[in-house]
């Protein structure tokens, strides 16, 4: 027999940065909010990424959103009430040959036109900024805004903030069904059904399944299994956030001396098991590339390597807005590298739900809905990814 729980104004399904921010903002505005998360808060993509807050690596169309997100990370102590370890150190993106230099110049020109404070600089200037660079780069872009925040502490940060805001946050509570009815929605987990006027799906990689199962909508979500490594503590060897034109490397040294090495190199995983196997040749390739850029890393010892799953919409742009064909139901998530813009996406959707004009346009999920054809079997949403 199913027990009926309390009635809420809004139920948020998914406890990453975007879902937590929506829940927090709505609660601060007076909504009675519940948040259900299948694991722990910010334990998936939001909490296992390298924590890079970079403006210059964002697609031009997302630069204005990234700058707003960056400012929210910078002021997290003010609006969230919790220090998330924001540091502004500046960032360099490096090119190593003529083709990469051309690509970097074109991309940064587009991002600069979109408002990013990026400039192209020569290698001499790059080495003045970052003396530990190798002699391999031939050109660089420089963005003084780039930095990082401690992604691994986000779960604790949001847990505290949600509690203070009065959100009924239920971790390790998978959602079995979202059902329309009774002037709103019933959200069932196990033998308990919570009811609310509206529902927000913020399930990241699992949004495809949720939308297909509960709303009959097909929005394909691809799975990436990103790899990150951390070194032992080292003397200072870099001052900035470092990346390369091909986007296959990110480097930063934290205050305790450890160096985080990322760049989107892939492991093996799927939506059911998450990231479950490191691909050795990818790990070696990532580490070799890191030491190619900063030679001092050749002698570093890796303490740990881990995998985190990330869901992307087909065009790698966010899904933020109404669920097509449903009333008082919304979706948010699924943008590649969404860590920087996450808090701002959550703010925009909360403004929309509260009946306010969002500061910037949302991203209509309807643009990537795949039409059903009679007699055509639907693909299985749970795809392995490597």
Protein backbone atom coordinates (compact mmCIF):
# COMPACT_ATOMS: atom_id res chain seq x y z
CA UNK A 1 0.00 0.00 0.00
CA UNK A 2 1.38 3.41 -0.94
CA UNK A 3 1.64 6.02 1.80
CA UNK A 4 0.88 9.60 0.81
CA UNK A 5 3.39 12.16 2.04
CA UNK A 6 3.12 15.91 2.47
CA UNK A 7 1.93 18.35 -0.16
CA UNK A 8 4.52 20.72 -1.63
CA UNK A 9 4.53 23.65 -3.99
CA UNK A 10 7.42 22.15 -5.97
CA UNK A 11 9.26 18.84 -6.04
CA UNK A 12 12.71 18.79 -7.62
CA UNK A 13 14.00 15.44 -8.89
CA UNK A 14 17.80 15.49 -8.95
CA UNK A 15 20.34 16.95 -6.53
CA UNK A 16 23.20 18.28 -8.63
CA UNK A 17 24.17 21.95 -8.79
CA UNK A 18 21.25 22.89 -11.03
CA UNK A 19 18.58 21.00 -9.11
CA UNK A 20 19.87 22.16 -5.75
CA UNK A 21 19.98 25.77 -6.92
CA UNK A 22 16.40 25.66 -8.20
CA UNK A 23 15.19 24.14 -4.93
CA UNK A 24 17.16 26.66 -2.87
CA UNK A 25 15.95 29.69 -4.83
CA UNK A 26 12.30 28.60 -4.76
CA UNK A 27 12.43 27.91 -1.03
CA UNK A 28 13.99 31.31 -0.36
CA UNK A 29 11.10 32.84 -2.31
CA UNK A 30 8.58 31.14 -0.03
CA UNK A 31 7.80 27.88 -1.82
CA UNK A 32 7.44 24.66 0.12
CA UNK A 33 9.99 22.48 -1.68
CA UNK A 34 11.08 18.86 -1.60
CA UNK A 35 14.17 17.57 -3.40
CA UNK A 36 14.68 13.88 -4.12
CA UNK A 37 18.11 12.59 -5.13
CA UNK A 38 18.91 8.98 -6.06
CA UNK A 39 22.35 9.22 -4.42
CA UNK A 40 23.97 11.92 -2.34
CA UNK A 41 23.80 15.62 -3.18
CA UNK A 42 26.28 16.63 -5.90
CA UNK A 43 27.84 13.16 -6.01
CA UNK A 44 27.59 12.81 -9.79
CA UNK A 45 28.86 15.26 -12.45
CA UNK A 46 28.52 18.28 -10.17
CA UNK A 47 30.86 16.94 -7.51
CA UNK A 48 33.43 14.82 -9.33
CA UNK A 49 34.58 17.24 -12.02
CA UNK A 50 37.84 19.17 -11.80
CA UNK A 51 36.13 22.33 -10.54
CA UNK A 52 37.36 24.58 -13.35
CA UNK A 53 35.56 27.90 -13.78
CA UNK A 54 36.67 28.98 -17.22
CA UNK A 55 35.07 31.58 -19.45
CA UNK A 56 37.31 31.08 -22.46
CA UNK A 57 36.53 27.39 -22.95
CA UNK A 58 32.76 27.96 -23.21
CA UNK A 59 30.97 28.06 -26.55
CA UNK A 60 30.37 31.63 -27.67
CA UNK A 61 26.59 31.32 -27.21
CA UNK A 62 27.13 30.37 -23.55
CA UNK A 63 29.73 33.01 -22.68
CA UNK A 64 27.19 35.50 -21.22
CA UNK A 65 25.71 32.69 -19.10
CA UNK A 66 29.16 31.51 -18.01
CA UNK A 67 30.09 35.00 -16.85
CA UNK A 68 26.91 35.19 -14.77
CA UNK A 69 27.61 31.71 -13.37
CA UNK A 70 31.19 32.70 -12.57
CA UNK A 71 29.92 35.69 -10.59
CA UNK A 72 27.56 33.45 -8.61
CA UNK A 73 30.44 31.17 -7.67
CA UNK A 74 32.43 34.25 -6.67
CA UNK A 75 29.64 35.50 -4.41
CA UNK A 76 28.46 32.12 -3.11
CA UNK A 77 29.13 33.14 0.48
CA UNK A 78 26.61 35.97 0.05
CA UNK A 79 23.69 34.16 -1.62
CA UNK A 80 24.29 30.53 -0.64
CA UNK A 81 25.73 31.28 2.78
CA UNK A 82 28.59 28.82 2.28
CA UNK A 83 32.20 29.20 1.13
CA UNK A 84 32.82 26.98 -1.92
CA UNK A 85 36.52 27.75 -2.22
CA UNK A 86 36.28 30.15 -5.17
CA UNK A 87 39.65 31.27 -6.49
CA UNK A 88 40.31 33.61 -9.41
CA UNK A 89 43.77 32.86 -10.79
CA UNK A 90 43.45 33.56 -14.51
CA UNK A 91 43.72 31.02 -17.28
CA UNK A 92 45.86 30.24 -20.31
CA UNK A 93 44.81 28.14 -23.29
CA UNK A 94 47.77 26.97 -25.36
CA UNK A 95 48.36 26.17 -29.03
CA UNK A 96 51.28 24.00 -30.15
CA UNK A 97 51.19 24.26 -33.95
CA UNK A 98 49.86 26.51 -36.69
CA UNK A 99 46.57 24.66 -37.08
CA UNK A 100 45.89 24.87 -33.35
CA UNK A 101 46.88 28.54 -33.31
CA UNK A 102 44.39 29.28 -36.10
CA UNK A 103 41.65 27.33 -34.35
CA UNK A 104 42.37 29.02 -31.03
CA UNK A 105 42.36 32.49 -32.60
CA UNK A 106 39.03 31.91 -34.35
CA UNK A 107 37.36 30.49 -31.26
CA UNK A 108 38.60 33.20 -28.95
CA UNK A 109 37.58 35.90 -31.40
CA UNK A 110 34.01 34.57 -31.31
CA UNK A 111 34.06 34.36 -27.51
CA UNK A 112 35.50 37.84 -27.19
CA UNK A 113 32.68 39.17 -29.37
CA UNK A 114 30.27 37.43 -27.00
CA UNK A 115 31.75 39.34 -24.07
CA UNK A 116 34.55 37.15 -22.76
CA UNK A 117 37.57 39.18 -21.52
CA UNK A 118 40.03 37.15 -23.59
CA UNK A 119 43.18 38.31 -25.37
CA UNK A 120 45.60 36.50 -27.64
CA UNK A 121 49.19 36.65 -26.42
CA UNK A 122 52.58 35.39 -27.53
CA UNK A 123 54.64 32.73 -25.83
CA UNK A 124 56.94 35.20 -24.08
CA UNK A 125 53.99 36.85 -22.37
CA UNK A 126 52.52 33.43 -21.56
CA UNK A 127 55.72 32.39 -19.80
CA UNK A 128 55.78 35.64 -17.85
CA UNK A 129 52.35 34.69 -16.54
CA UNK A 130 53.22 31.01 -16.11
CA UNK A 131 56.99 30.44 -15.78
CA UNK A 132 56.60 26.68 -15.48
CA UNK A 133 55.41 26.22 -19.06
CA UNK A 134 57.42 24.06 -21.42
CA UNK A 135 59.02 25.48 -24.56
CA UNK A 136 56.42 23.76 -26.78
CA UNK A 137 53.55 26.30 -27.08
CA UNK A 138 53.64 28.83 -29.92
CA UNK A 139 50.62 30.95 -28.91
CA UNK A 140 48.15 31.34 -26.05
CA UNK A 141 44.93 33.02 -25.06
CA UNK A 142 44.64 34.66 -21.67
CA UNK A 143 41.53 35.24 -19.54
CA UNK A 144 42.04 36.91 -16.16
CA UNK A 145 38.60 35.72 -14.94
CA UNK A 146 39.37 32.00 -15.02
CA UNK A 147 39.63 30.11 -11.76
CA UNK A 148 38.09 27.24 -9.85
CA UNK A 149 35.87 26.24 -6.94
CA UNK A 150 36.02 23.09 -4.81
CA UNK A 151 33.58 20.74 -6.51
CA UNK A 152 34.20 17.97 -4.00
CA UNK A 153 32.72 20.12 -1.21
CA UNK A 154 29.52 21.03 -3.02
CA UNK A 155 27.42 18.28 -1.46
CA UNK A 156 28.12 19.56 2.05
CA UNK A 157 27.67 23.18 0.93
CA UNK A 158 24.26 22.63 -0.63
CA UNK A 159 23.15 20.27 2.14
CA UNK A 160 23.69 23.05 4.66
CA UNK A 161 22.12 25.73 2.46
CA UNK A 162 19.02 23.66 1.64
CA UNK A 163 18.46 22.87 5.30
CA UNK A 164 18.70 26.54 6.22
CA UNK A 165 16.22 27.41 3.46
CA UNK A 166 13.72 24.81 4.69
CA UNK A 167 13.96 22.40 1.74
CA UNK A 168 12.94 18.82 2.48
CA UNK A 169 16.03 17.28 0.86
CA UNK A 170 15.90 13.47 0.69
CA UNK A 171 19.13 11.83 -0.37
CA UNK A 172 19.43 8.21 -1.52
CA UNK A 173 15.79 8.39 -2.57
CA UNK A 174 15.33 7.17 -6.14
CA UNK A 175 12.15 8.23 -7.90
CA UNK A 176 10.10 5.36 -9.28
CA UNK A 177 7.46 7.44 -11.06
CA UNK A 178 6.18 10.97 -11.65
CA UNK A 179 2.44 10.93 -12.27
CA UNK A 180 0.10 13.78 -13.20
CA UNK A 181 -3.15 14.11 -11.28
CA UNK A 182 -4.99 15.83 -8.44
CA UNK A 183 -4.15 19.29 -9.75
CA UNK A 184 -0.45 18.60 -9.84
CA UNK A 185 1.98 15.70 -9.64
CA UNK A 186 2.62 12.68 -7.50
CA UNK A 187 6.26 11.68 -7.15
CA UNK A 188 6.62 8.11 -5.96
CA UNK A 189 9.63 6.62 -4.24
CA UNK A 190 9.19 3.17 -2.81
CA UNK A 191 5.97 3.09 -0.78
CA UNK A 192 5.75 6.88 -0.38
CA UNK A 193 4.18 9.36 -2.77
CA UNK A 194 4.83 13.08 -2.36
CA UNK A 195 2.51 15.52 -4.08
CA UNK A 196 3.12 18.99 -5.45
CA UNK A 197 1.65 21.61 -7.73
CA UNK A 198 4.69 21.46 -10.00
CA UNK A 199 7.70 19.27 -10.66
CA UNK A 200 11.23 19.98 -11.88
CA UNK A 201 13.32 17.22 -13.48
CA UNK A 202 17.02 17.89 -12.86
CA UNK A 203 18.29 14.35 -13.28
CA UNK A 204 21.34 15.00 -15.47
CA UNK A 205 22.38 11.89 -17.37
CA UNK A 206 19.14 10.19 -16.30
CA UNK A 207 16.85 12.86 -17.80
CA UNK A 208 16.32 10.79 -20.94
CA UNK A 209 14.88 7.95 -18.89
CA UNK A 210 12.75 10.22 -16.70
CA UNK A 211 11.25 12.10 -19.65
CA UNK A 212 10.57 8.92 -21.62
CA UNK A 213 9.10 7.02 -18.69
CA UNK A 214 6.98 9.69 -17.06
CA UNK A 215 6.12 12.12 -19.88
CA UNK A 216 6.41 9.99 -23.03
CA UNK A 217 8.95 12.39 -24.54
CA UNK A 218 12.11 11.30 -26.30
CA UNK A 219 15.07 13.63 -25.78
CA UNK A 220 18.29 11.70 -26.43
CA UNK A 221 21.04 12.20 -23.86
CA UNK A 222 24.56 11.02 -24.60
CA UNK A 223 26.83 9.82 -21.84
CA UNK A 224 30.39 10.95 -21.24
CA UNK A 225 32.61 9.29 -18.64
CA UNK A 226 35.18 11.94 -17.79
CA UNK A 227 38.43 11.10 -16.04
CA UNK A 228 40.21 13.28 -13.44
CA UNK A 229 43.47 12.63 -11.59
CA UNK A 230 45.10 14.30 -8.62
CA UNK A 231 48.80 14.31 -7.74
CA UNK A 232 50.57 14.25 -4.43
CA UNK A 233 51.29 17.61 -2.82
CA UNK A 234 54.01 19.45 -4.68
CA UNK A 235 55.90 22.74 -4.37
CA UNK A 236 54.28 25.54 -6.41
CA UNK A 237 54.68 24.72 -10.11
CA UNK A 238 51.84 26.73 -11.66
CA UNK A 239 49.82 29.84 -10.90
CA UNK A 240 46.92 29.66 -13.33
CA UNK A 241 44.33 27.35 -14.85
CA UNK A 242 45.89 25.79 -17.94
CA UNK A 243 44.18 24.30 -20.97
CA UNK A 244 45.00 23.55 -24.59
CA UNK A 245 43.34 24.40 -27.89
CA UNK A 246 42.15 20.83 -28.49
CA UNK A 247 40.34 20.85 -25.10
CA UNK A 248 42.10 17.64 -24.07
CA UNK A 249 43.73 19.05 -20.95
CA UNK A 250 42.95 21.12 -17.90
CA UNK A 251 45.48 21.73 -15.14
CA UNK A 252 45.34 23.63 -11.88
CA UNK A 253 47.26 23.52 -8.61
CA UNK A 254 45.25 23.96 -5.44
CA UNK A 255 46.34 25.73 -2.32
CA UNK A 256 47.45 22.49 -0.65
CA UNK A 257 49.90 21.76 -3.48
CA UNK A 258 48.01 18.99 -5.25
CA UNK A 259 47.53 19.28 -9.02
CA UNK A 260 44.23 18.33 -10.67
CA UNK A 261 44.60 16.89 -14.17
CA UNK A 262 41.54 16.63 -16.41
CA UNK A 263 40.48 17.35 -19.95
CA UNK A 264 37.61 15.04 -20.79
CA UNK A 265 39.61 11.85 -21.43
CA UNK A 266 37.10 9.02 -21.29
CA UNK A 267 36.68 5.92 -19.17
CA UNK A 268 34.02 3.22 -19.35
CA UNK A 269 30.61 3.52 -17.77
CA UNK A 270 26.86 3.58 -18.21
CA UNK A 271 23.82 5.16 -16.53
CA UNK A 272 23.25 2.12 -14.31
CA UNK A 273 26.76 1.71 -12.91
CA UNK A 274 28.26 5.13 -13.49
CA UNK A 275 31.94 5.21 -14.34
CA UNK A 276 33.31 1.76 -13.61
CA UNK A 277 36.61 1.30 -15.48
CA UNK A 278 39.59 3.50 -16.26
CA UNK A 279 41.06 3.01 -19.72
CA UNK A 280 44.83 2.75 -19.07
CA UNK A 281 45.96 4.20 -22.39
CA UNK A 282 43.70 7.23 -21.85
CA UNK A 283 45.12 7.79 -18.40
CA UNK A 284 48.67 7.57 -19.74
CA UNK A 285 47.80 9.93 -22.59
CA UNK A 286 46.31 12.49 -20.21
CA UNK A 287 49.34 12.39 -17.90
CA UNK A 288 51.84 12.58 -20.75
CA UNK A 289 50.04 15.60 -22.15
CA UNK A 290 50.12 17.26 -18.73
CA UNK A 291 53.88 16.82 -18.39
CA UNK A 292 54.33 18.01 -22.00
CA UNK A 293 52.76 21.30 -20.94
CA UNK A 294 54.32 21.58 -17.46
CA UNK A 295 57.59 19.59 -17.32
CA UNK A 296 57.68 19.61 -13.49
CA UNK A 297 54.81 17.10 -13.58
CA UNK A 298 57.10 14.42 -15.01
CA UNK A 299 58.21 13.60 -11.48
CA UNK A 300 54.77 13.82 -9.88
CA UNK A 301 53.09 10.80 -8.37
CA UNK A 302 49.38 10.28 -8.98
CA UNK A 303 47.46 9.70 -5.77
CA UNK A 304 44.05 8.95 -7.25
CA UNK A 305 42.16 8.82 -10.54
CA UNK A 306 38.39 8.77 -10.74
CA UNK A 307 35.54 8.84 -13.25
CA UNK A 308 32.41 10.96 -13.38
CA UNK A 309 29.44 10.57 -15.72
CA UNK A 310 27.99 13.56 -17.56
CA UNK A 311 24.88 13.77 -19.74
CA UNK A 312 24.75 15.95 -22.85
CA UNK A 313 21.85 16.92 -25.08
CA UNK A 314 22.37 16.34 -28.79
CA UNK A 315 23.59 19.90 -29.40
CA UNK A 316 25.51 20.02 -26.05
CA UNK A 317 23.44 23.08 -25.09
CA UNK A 318 21.35 23.25 -21.90
CA UNK A 319 17.82 21.99 -21.45
CA UNK A 320 16.08 24.66 -19.37
CA UNK A 321 12.36 25.28 -19.58
CA UNK A 322 8.93 23.67 -19.86
CA UNK A 323 8.60 19.97 -20.51
CA UNK A 324 6.83 19.91 -23.91
CA UNK A 325 3.13 19.14 -23.63
CA UNK A 326 3.05 19.21 -19.82
CA UNK A 327 1.75 21.87 -17.48
CA UNK A 328 3.73 23.04 -14.44
CA UNK A 329 6.52 20.61 -15.28
CA UNK A 330 10.06 21.71 -16.07
CA UNK A 331 13.44 20.29 -16.99
CA UNK A 332 16.97 21.55 -16.40
CA UNK A 333 20.37 20.06 -17.22
CA UNK A 334 22.42 18.32 -19.90
CA UNK A 335 25.02 20.82 -21.10
CA UNK A 336 28.63 19.85 -21.67
CA UNK A 337 30.86 21.39 -19.01
CA UNK A 338 27.88 22.76 -17.07
CA UNK A 339 29.74 23.35 -13.81
CA UNK A 340 30.50 27.03 -14.44
CA UNK A 341 27.00 27.96 -15.59
CA UNK A 342 25.10 25.63 -13.22
CA UNK A 343 24.11 28.14 -10.52
CA UNK A 344 22.93 30.65 -13.12
CA UNK A 345 20.84 28.06 -14.97
CA UNK A 346 19.17 27.24 -11.65
CA UNK A 347 18.53 30.92 -10.99
CA UNK A 348 16.97 31.43 -14.44
CA UNK A 349 14.57 28.51 -14.10
CA UNK A 350 13.56 29.58 -10.60
CA UNK A 351 12.81 33.07 -11.90
CA UNK A 352 10.65 31.57 -14.65
CA UNK A 353 8.76 29.32 -12.23
CA UNK A 354 8.14 32.28 -9.92
CA UNK A 355 6.52 34.18 -12.79
CA UNK A 356 9.36 36.63 -13.26
CA UNK A 357 11.10 37.53 -16.50
CA UNK A 358 14.35 35.52 -16.55
CA UNK A 359 17.50 37.62 -16.78
CA UNK A 360 18.46 35.79 -19.98
CA UNK A 361 16.58 33.51 -22.39
CA UNK A 362 15.97 29.90 -21.40
CA UNK A 363 16.84 26.92 -23.61
CA UNK A 364 13.65 25.33 -24.93
CA UNK A 365 13.84 21.53 -24.48
CA UNK A 366 11.43 21.13 -27.40
CA UNK A 367 14.21 21.85 -29.88
CA UNK A 368 15.78 18.40 -29.34
CA UNK A 369 12.65 16.25 -28.98
CA UNK A 370 12.82 13.27 -31.31
CA UNK A 371 9.50 12.66 -33.05
CA UNK A 372 7.99 9.23 -32.68
CA UNK A 373 7.07 7.38 -35.85
CA UNK A 374 4.30 4.81 -35.88
CA UNK A 375 5.66 1.30 -35.94
CA UNK A 376 9.23 2.39 -35.28
CA UNK A 377 10.76 0.82 -32.19
CA UNK A 378 12.20 3.31 -29.71
CA UNK A 379 15.88 3.05 -28.73
CA UNK A 380 16.82 1.84 -25.29
CA UNK A 381 17.73 4.93 -23.20
CA UNK A 382 20.31 3.11 -21.06
CA UNK A 383 23.35 3.10 -23.32
CA UNK A 384 26.82 2.08 -22.34
CA UNK A 385 29.42 4.75 -22.91
CA UNK A 386 33.16 4.74 -23.15
